Amino acid sequence: MAKALLGHVHSDVRTTSVLAAENHRLRRRVADLEALVLRLEADNDRLAAAALVGERVVEDLQPA
């Protein structure tokens, strides 16, 4: 049984290096996406603050 299971495990060095390269690429992509999320959240916060200030300006300009 163990021999049959080991037959399914590839010990090819190239496969390991390909998986390592793919893992590295995916980790880099995740880091890029996390950085993008942080930038978009900051942009969203900035725009929300600007909209709030804009609403206050409009309220101040309206006659009472």
PDB file of N, CA and C in Angstrom:
ATOM      1  N   MET A   1       0.827  -1.189   0.000  1.00  0.00           N
ATOM      2  CA  MET A   1       0.000   0.000   0.000  1.00  0.00           C
ATOM      3  C   MET A   1       0.868   1.248   0.000  1.00  0.00           C
ATOM      4  N   ALA A   2       1.877   1.286   0.854  1.00  0.00           N
ATOM      5  CA  ALA A   2       2.737   2.457   0.912  1.00  0.00           C
ATOM      6  C   ALA A   2       3.453   2.667  -0.410  1.00  0.00           C
ATOM      7  N   LYS A   3       3.836   1.610  -1.056  1.00  0.00           N
ATOM      8  CA  LYS A   3       4.511   1.708  -2.342  1.00  0.00           C
ATOM      9  C   LYS A   3       3.567   2.321  -3.382  1.00  0.00           C
ATOM     10  N   ALA A   4       2.312   1.962  -3.337  1.00  0.00           N
ATOM     11  CA  ALA A   4       1.323   2.515  -4.264  1.00  0.00           C
ATOM     12  C   ALA A   4       1.132   4.012  -4.000  1.00  0.00           C
ATOM     13  N   LEU A   5       1.100   4.387  -2.735  1.00  0.00           N
ATOM     14  CA  LEU A   5       0.948   5.807  -2.402  1.00  0.00           C
ATOM     15  C   LEU A   5       2.165   6.610  -2.828  1.00  0.00           C
ATOM     16  N   LEU A   6       3.338   6.060  -2.628  1.00  0.00           N
ATOM     17  CA  LEU A   6       4.552   6.765  -3.013  1.00  0.00           C
ATOM     18  C   LEU A   6       4.656   6.916  -4.524  1.00  0.00           C
ATOM     19  N   GLY A   7       4.011   6.034  -5.256  1.00  0.00           N
ATOM     20  CA  GLY A   7       4.011   6.161  -6.700  1.00  0.00           C
ATOM     21  C   GLY A   7       3.283   7.403  -7.169  1.00  0.00           C
ATOM     22  N   HIS A   8       2.387   7.932  -6.341  1.00  0.00           N
ATOM     23  CA  HIS A   8       1.641   9.138  -6.699  1.00  0.00           C
ATOM     24  C   HIS A   8       2.364  10.414  -6.288  1.00  0.00           C
ATOM     25  N   VAL A   9       3.373  10.295  -5.471  1.00  0.00           N
ATOM     26  CA  VAL A   9       4.148  11.457  -5.038  1.00  0.00           C
ATOM     27  C   VAL A   9       5.298  11.648  -6.010  1.00  0.00           C
ATOM     28  N   HIS A  10       5.292  12.763  -6.663  1.00  0.00           N
ATOM     29  CA  HIS A  10       6.353  13.041  -7.622  1.00  0.00           C
ATOM     30  C   HIS A  10       7.537  13.666  -6.896  1.00  0.00           C
ATOM     31  N   SER A  11       8.680  13.103  -7.095  1.00  0.00           N
ATOM     32  CA  SER A  11       9.879  13.636  -6.453  1.00  0.00           C
ATOM     33  C   SER A  11      10.741  14.358  -7.481  1.00  0.00           C
ATOM     34  N   ASP A  12      10.144  14.756  -8.575  1.00  0.00           N
ATOM     35  CA  ASP A  12      10.871  15.459  -9.630  1.00  0.00           C
ATOM     36  C   ASP A  12      11.261  16.845  -9.120  1.00  0.00           C
ATOM     37  N   VAL A  13      12.536  17.176  -9.193  1.00  0.00           N
ATOM     38  CA  VAL A  13      13.034  18.467  -8.716  1.00  0.00           C
ATOM     39  C   VAL A  13      12.423  19.604  -9.519  1.00  0.00           C
ATOM     40  N   ARG A  14      12.211  19.378 -10.805  1.00  0.00           N
ATOM     41  CA  ARG A  14      11.624  20.427 -11.642  1.00  0.00           C
ATOM     42  C   ARG A  14      10.215  20.766 -11.184  1.00  0.00           C
ATOM     43  N   THR A  15       9.457  19.770 -10.790  1.00  0.00           N
ATOM     44  CA  THR A  15       8.104  20.019 -10.302  1.00  0.00           C
ATOM     45  C   THR A  15       8.152  20.869  -9.043  1.00  0.00           C
ATOM     46  N   THR A  16       9.072  20.568  -8.151  1.00  0.00           N
ATOM     47  CA  THR A  16       9.218  21.340  -6.923  1.00  0.00           C
ATOM     48  C   THR A  16       9.591  22.780  -7.243  1.00  0.00           C
ATOM     49  N   SER A  17      10.510  22.981  -8.166  1.00  0.00           N
ATOM     50  CA  SER A  17      10.914  24.346  -8.506  1.00  0.00           C
ATOM     51  C   SER A  17       9.796  25.097  -9.216  1.00  0.00           C
ATOM     52  N   VAL A  18       9.026  24.382 -10.025  1.00  0.00           N
ATOM     53  CA  VAL A  18       7.883  25.027 -10.689  1.00  0.00           C
ATOM     54  C   VAL A  18       6.852  25.447  -9.653  1.00  0.00           C
ATOM     55  N   LEU A  19       6.571  24.562  -8.695  1.00  0.00           N
ATOM     56  CA  LEU A  19       5.628  24.911  -7.632  1.00  0.00           C
ATOM     57  C   LEU A  19       6.143  26.060  -6.777  1.00  0.00           C
ATOM     58  N   ALA A  20       7.427  26.068  -6.494  1.00  0.00           N
ATOM     59  CA  ALA A  20       8.005  27.155  -5.710  1.00  0.00           C
ATOM     60  C   ALA A  20       7.896  28.478  -6.463  1.00  0.00           C
ATOM     61  N   ALA A  21       8.152  28.450  -7.755  1.00  0.00           N
ATOM     62  CA  ALA A  21       8.046  29.675  -8.564  1.00  0.00           C
ATOM     63  C   ALA A  21       6.601  30.153  -8.616  1.00  0.00           C
ATOM     64  N   GLU A  22       5.673  29.228  -8.788  1.00  0.00           N
ATOM     65  CA  GLU A  22       4.257  29.589  -8.824  1.00  0.00           C
ATOM     66  C   GLU A  22       3.806  30.131  -7.471  1.00  0.00           C
ATOM     67  N   ASN A  23       4.263  29.517  -6.394  1.00  0.00           N
ATOM     68  CA  ASN A  23       3.953  29.983  -5.046  1.00  0.00           C
ATOM     69  C   ASN A  23       4.474  31.406  -4.838  1.00  0.00           C
ATOM     70  N   HIS A  24       5.696  31.648  -5.279  1.00  0.00           N
ATOM     71  CA  HIS A  24       6.291  32.983  -5.160  1.00  0.00           C
ATOM     72  C   HIS A  24       5.484  34.006  -5.964  1.00  0.00           C
ATOM     73  N   ARG A  25       5.093  33.630  -7.187  1.00  0.00           N
ATOM     74  CA  ARG A  25       4.319  34.529  -8.038  1.00  0.00           C
ATOM     75  C   ARG A  25       2.966  34.850  -7.398  1.00  0.00           C
ATOM     76  N   LEU A  26       2.321  33.828  -6.849  1.00  0.00           N
ATOM     77  CA  LEU A  26       1.026  34.041  -6.216  1.00  0.00           C
ATOM     78  C   LEU A  26       1.140  34.889  -4.953  1.00  0.00           C
ATOM     79  N   ARG A  27       2.198  34.664  -4.174  1.00  0.00           N
ATOM     80  CA  ARG A  27       2.398  35.492  -2.972  1.00  0.00           C
ATOM     81  C   ARG A  27       2.636  36.954  -3.341  1.00  0.00           C
ATOM     82  N   ARG A  28       3.393  37.170  -4.413  1.00  0.00           N
ATOM     83  CA  ARG A  28       3.641  38.541  -4.880  1.00  0.00           C
ATOM     84  C   ARG A  28       2.336  39.178  -5.359  1.00  0.00           C
ATOM     85  N   ARG A  29       1.508  38.394  -6.057  1.00  0.00           N
ATOM     86  CA  ARG A  29       0.221  38.909  -6.547  1.00  0.00           C
ATOM     87  C   ARG A  29      -0.691  39.262  -5.374  1.00  0.00           C
ATOM     88  N   VAL A  30      -0.712  38.415  -4.352  1.00  0.00           N
ATOM     89  CA  VAL A  30      -1.525  38.706  -3.164  1.00  0.00           C
ATOM     90  C   VAL A  30      -1.035  39.988  -2.505  1.00  0.00           C
ATOM     91  N   ALA A  31       0.271  40.160  -2.391  1.00  0.00           N
ATOM     92  CA  ALA A  31       0.824  41.382  -1.793  1.00  0.00           C
ATOM     93  C   ALA A  31       0.435  42.602  -2.623  1.00  0.00           C
ATOM     94  N   ASP A  32       0.490  42.479  -3.948  1.00  0.00           N
ATOM     95  CA  ASP A  32       0.081  43.586  -4.819  1.00  0.00           C
ATOM     96  C   ASP A  32      -1.392  43.923  -4.620  1.00  0.00           C
ATOM     97  N   LEU A  33      -2.225  42.895  -4.518  1.00  0.00           N
ATOM     98  CA  LEU A  33      -3.653  43.125  -4.317  1.00  0.00           C
ATOM     99  C   LEU A  33      -3.944  43.729  -2.947  1.00  0.00           C
ATOM    100  N   GLU A  34      -3.201  43.290  -1.927  1.00  0.00           N
ATOM    101  CA  GLU A  34      -3.381  43.886  -0.599  1.00  0.00           C
ATOM    102  C   GLU A  34      -2.997  45.359  -0.613  1.00  0.00           C
ATOM    103  N   ALA A  35      -1.919  45.694  -1.317  1.00  0.00           N
ATOM    104  CA  ALA A  35      -1.505  47.095  -1.436  1.00  0.00           C
ATOM    105  C   ALA A  35      -2.564  47.902  -2.184  1.00  0.00           C
ATOM    106  N   LEU A  36      -3.150  47.312  -3.214  1.00  0.00           N
ATOM    107  CA  LEU A  36      -4.207  47.982  -3.962  1.00  0.00           C
ATOM    108  C   LEU A  36      -5.420  48.236  -3.079  1.00  0.00           C
ATOM    109  N   VAL A  37      -5.793  47.256  -2.268  1.00  0.00           N
ATOM    110  CA  VAL A  37      -6.930  47.432  -1.357  1.00  0.00           C
ATOM    111  C   VAL A  37      -6.657  48.583  -0.384  1.00  0.00           C
ATOM    112  N   LEU A  38      -5.453  48.635   0.155  1.00  0.00           N
ATOM    113  CA  LEU A  38      -5.116  49.726   1.078  1.00  0.00           C
ATOM    114  C   LEU A  38      -5.196  51.083   0.386  1.00  0.00           C
ATOM    115  N   ARG A  39      -4.700  51.157  -0.863  1.00  0.00           N
ATOM    116  CA  ARG A  39      -4.744  52.417  -1.605  1.00  0.00           C
ATOM    117  C   ARG A  39      -6.194  52.818  -1.893  1.00  0.00           C
ATOM    118  N   LEU A  40      -7.017  51.850  -2.294  1.00  0.00           N
ATOM    119  CA  LEU A  40      -8.420  52.154  -2.586  1.00  0.00           C
ATOM    120  C   LEU A  40      -9.179  52.559  -1.331  1.00  0.00           C
ATOM    121  N   GLU A  41      -8.868  51.920  -0.206  1.00  0.00           N
ATOM    122  CA  GLU A  41      -9.510  52.321   1.046  1.00  0.00           C
ATOM    123  C   GLU A  41      -9.128  53.748   1.418  1.00  0.00           C
ATOM    124  N   ALA A  42      -7.858  54.104   1.225  1.00  0.00           N
ATOM    125  CA  ALA A  42      -7.410  55.469   1.515  1.00  0.00           C
ATOM    126  C   ALA A  42      -8.094  56.462   0.581  1.00  0.00           C
ATOM    127  N   ASP A  43      -8.183  56.118  -0.696  1.00  0.00           N
ATOM    128  CA  ASP A  43      -8.887  56.987  -1.649  1.00  0.00           C
ATOM    129  C   ASP A  43     -10.344  57.146  -1.257  1.00  0.00           C
ATOM    130  N   ASN A  44     -10.971  56.046  -0.857  1.00  0.00           N
ATOM    131  CA  ASN A  44     -12.372  56.092  -0.451  1.00  0.00           C
ATOM    132  C   ASN A  44     -12.554  56.989   0.773  1.00  0.00           C
ATOM    133  N   ASP A  45     -11.662  56.853   1.740  1.00  0.00           N
ATOM    134  CA  ASP A  45     -11.745  57.696   2.942  1.00  0.00           C
ATOM    135  C   ASP A  45     -11.576  59.172   2.575  1.00  0.00           C
ATOM    136  N   ARG A  46     -10.620  59.443   1.671  1.00  0.00           N
ATOM    137  CA  ARG A  46     -10.383  60.826   1.250  1.00  0.00           C
ATOM    138  C   ARG A  46     -11.606  61.384   0.526  1.00  0.00           C
ATOM    139  N   LEU A  47     -12.205  60.609  -0.355  1.00  0.00           N
ATOM    140  CA  LEU A  47     -13.384  61.059  -1.088  1.00  0.00           C
ATOM    141  C   LEU A  47     -14.595  61.229  -0.171  1.00  0.00           C
ATOM    142  N   ALA A  48     -14.741  60.343   0.787  1.00  0.00           N
ATOM    143  CA  ALA A  48     -15.847  60.459   1.741  1.00  0.00           C
ATOM    144  C   ALA A  48     -15.696  61.721   2.573  1.00  0.00           C
ATOM    145  N   ALA A  49     -14.471  62.019   2.987  1.00  0.00           N
ATOM    146  CA  ALA A  49     -14.224  63.247   3.753  1.00  0.00           C
ATOM    147  C   ALA A  49     -14.500  64.471   2.897  1.00  0.00           C
ATOM    148  N   ALA A  50     -14.095  64.436   1.629  1.00  0.00           N
ATOM    149  CA  ALA A  50     -14.342  65.557   0.721  1.00  0.00           C
ATOM    150  C   ALA A  50     -15.838  65.735   0.495  1.00  0.00           C
ATOM    151  N   ALA A  51     -16.570  64.647   0.373  1.00  0.00           N
ATOM    152  CA  ALA A  51     -18.020  64.728   0.186  1.00  0.00           C
ATOM    153  C   ALA A  51     -18.682  65.321   1.416  1.00  0.00           C
ATOM    154  N   LEU A  52     -18.194  64.949   2.593  1.00  0.00           N
ATOM    155  CA  LEU A  52     -18.750  65.488   3.831  1.00  0.00           C
ATOM    156  C   LEU A  52     -18.507  66.986   3.915  1.00  0.00           C
ATOM    157  N   VAL A  53     -17.311  67.417   3.557  1.00  0.00           N
ATOM    158  CA  VAL A  53     -16.993  68.846   3.548  1.00  0.00           C
ATOM    159  C   VAL A  53     -17.854  69.553   2.511  1.00  0.00           C
ATOM    160  N   GLY A  54     -18.033  68.921   1.348  1.00  0.00           N
ATOM    161  CA  GLY A  54     -18.878  69.503   0.310  1.00  0.00           C
ATOM    162  C   GLY A  54     -20.310  69.672   0.768  1.00  0.00           C
ATOM    163  N   GLU A  55     -20.833  68.696   1.512  1.00  0.00           N
ATOM    164  CA  GLU A  55     -22.191  68.803   2.039  1.00  0.00           C
ATOM    165  C   GLU A  55     -22.292  69.962   3.018  1.00  0.00           C
ATOM    166  N   ARG A  56     -21.291  70.152   3.828  1.00  0.00           N
ATOM    167  CA  ARG A  56     -21.301  71.265   4.803  1.00  0.00           C
ATOM    168  C   ARG A  56     -21.274  72.601   4.083  1.00  0.00           C
ATOM    169  N   VAL A  57     -20.499  72.681   2.996  1.00  0.00           N
ATOM    170  CA  VAL A  57     -20.427  73.919   2.233  1.00  0.00           C
ATOM    171  C   VAL A  57     -21.774  74.227   1.609  1.00  0.00           C
ATOM    172  N   VAL A  58     -22.426  73.211   1.047  1.00  0.00           N
ATOM    173  CA  VAL A  58     -23.734  73.396   0.433  1.00  0.00           C
ATOM    174  C   VAL A  58     -24.751  73.821   1.497  1.00  0.00           C
ATOM    175  N   GLU A  59     -24.708  73.206   2.664  1.00  0.00           N
ATOM    176  CA  GLU A  59     -25.637  73.586   3.739  1.00  0.00           C
ATOM    177  C   GLU A  59     -25.399  75.026   4.171  1.00  0.00           C
ATOM    178  N   ASP A  60     -24.137  75.457   4.212  1.00  0.00           N
ATOM    179  CA  ASP A  60     -23.831  76.833   4.610  1.00  0.00           C
ATOM    180  C   ASP A  60     -24.287  77.836   3.557  1.00  0.00           C
ATOM    181  N   LEU A  61     -24.325  77.440   2.300  1.00  0.00           N
ATOM    182  CA  LEU A  61     -24.718  78.349   1.234  1.00  0.00           C
ATOM    183  C   LEU A  61     -26.215  78.475   1.092  1.00  0.00           C
ATOM    184  N   GLN A  62     -26.977  77.521   1.602  1.00  0.00           N
ATOM    185  CA  GLN A  62     -28.431  77.569   1.481  1.00  0.00           C
ATOM    186  C   GLN A  62     -28.999  78.578   2.474  1.00  0.00           C
ATOM    187  N   PRO A  63     -29.989  79.372   2.004  1.00  0.00           N
ATOM    188  CA  PRO A  63     -30.577  80.357   2.919  1.00  0.00           C
ATOM    189  C   PRO A  63     -31.401  79.651   4.015  1.00  0.00           C
ATOM    190  N   ALA A  64     -31.408  80.268   5.157  1.00  0.00           N
ATOM    191  CA  ALA A  64     -32.106  79.666   6.299  1.00  0.00           C
ATOM    192  C   ALA A  64     -33.579  79.945   6.263  1.00  0.00           C
TER     193      ALA A  64
END
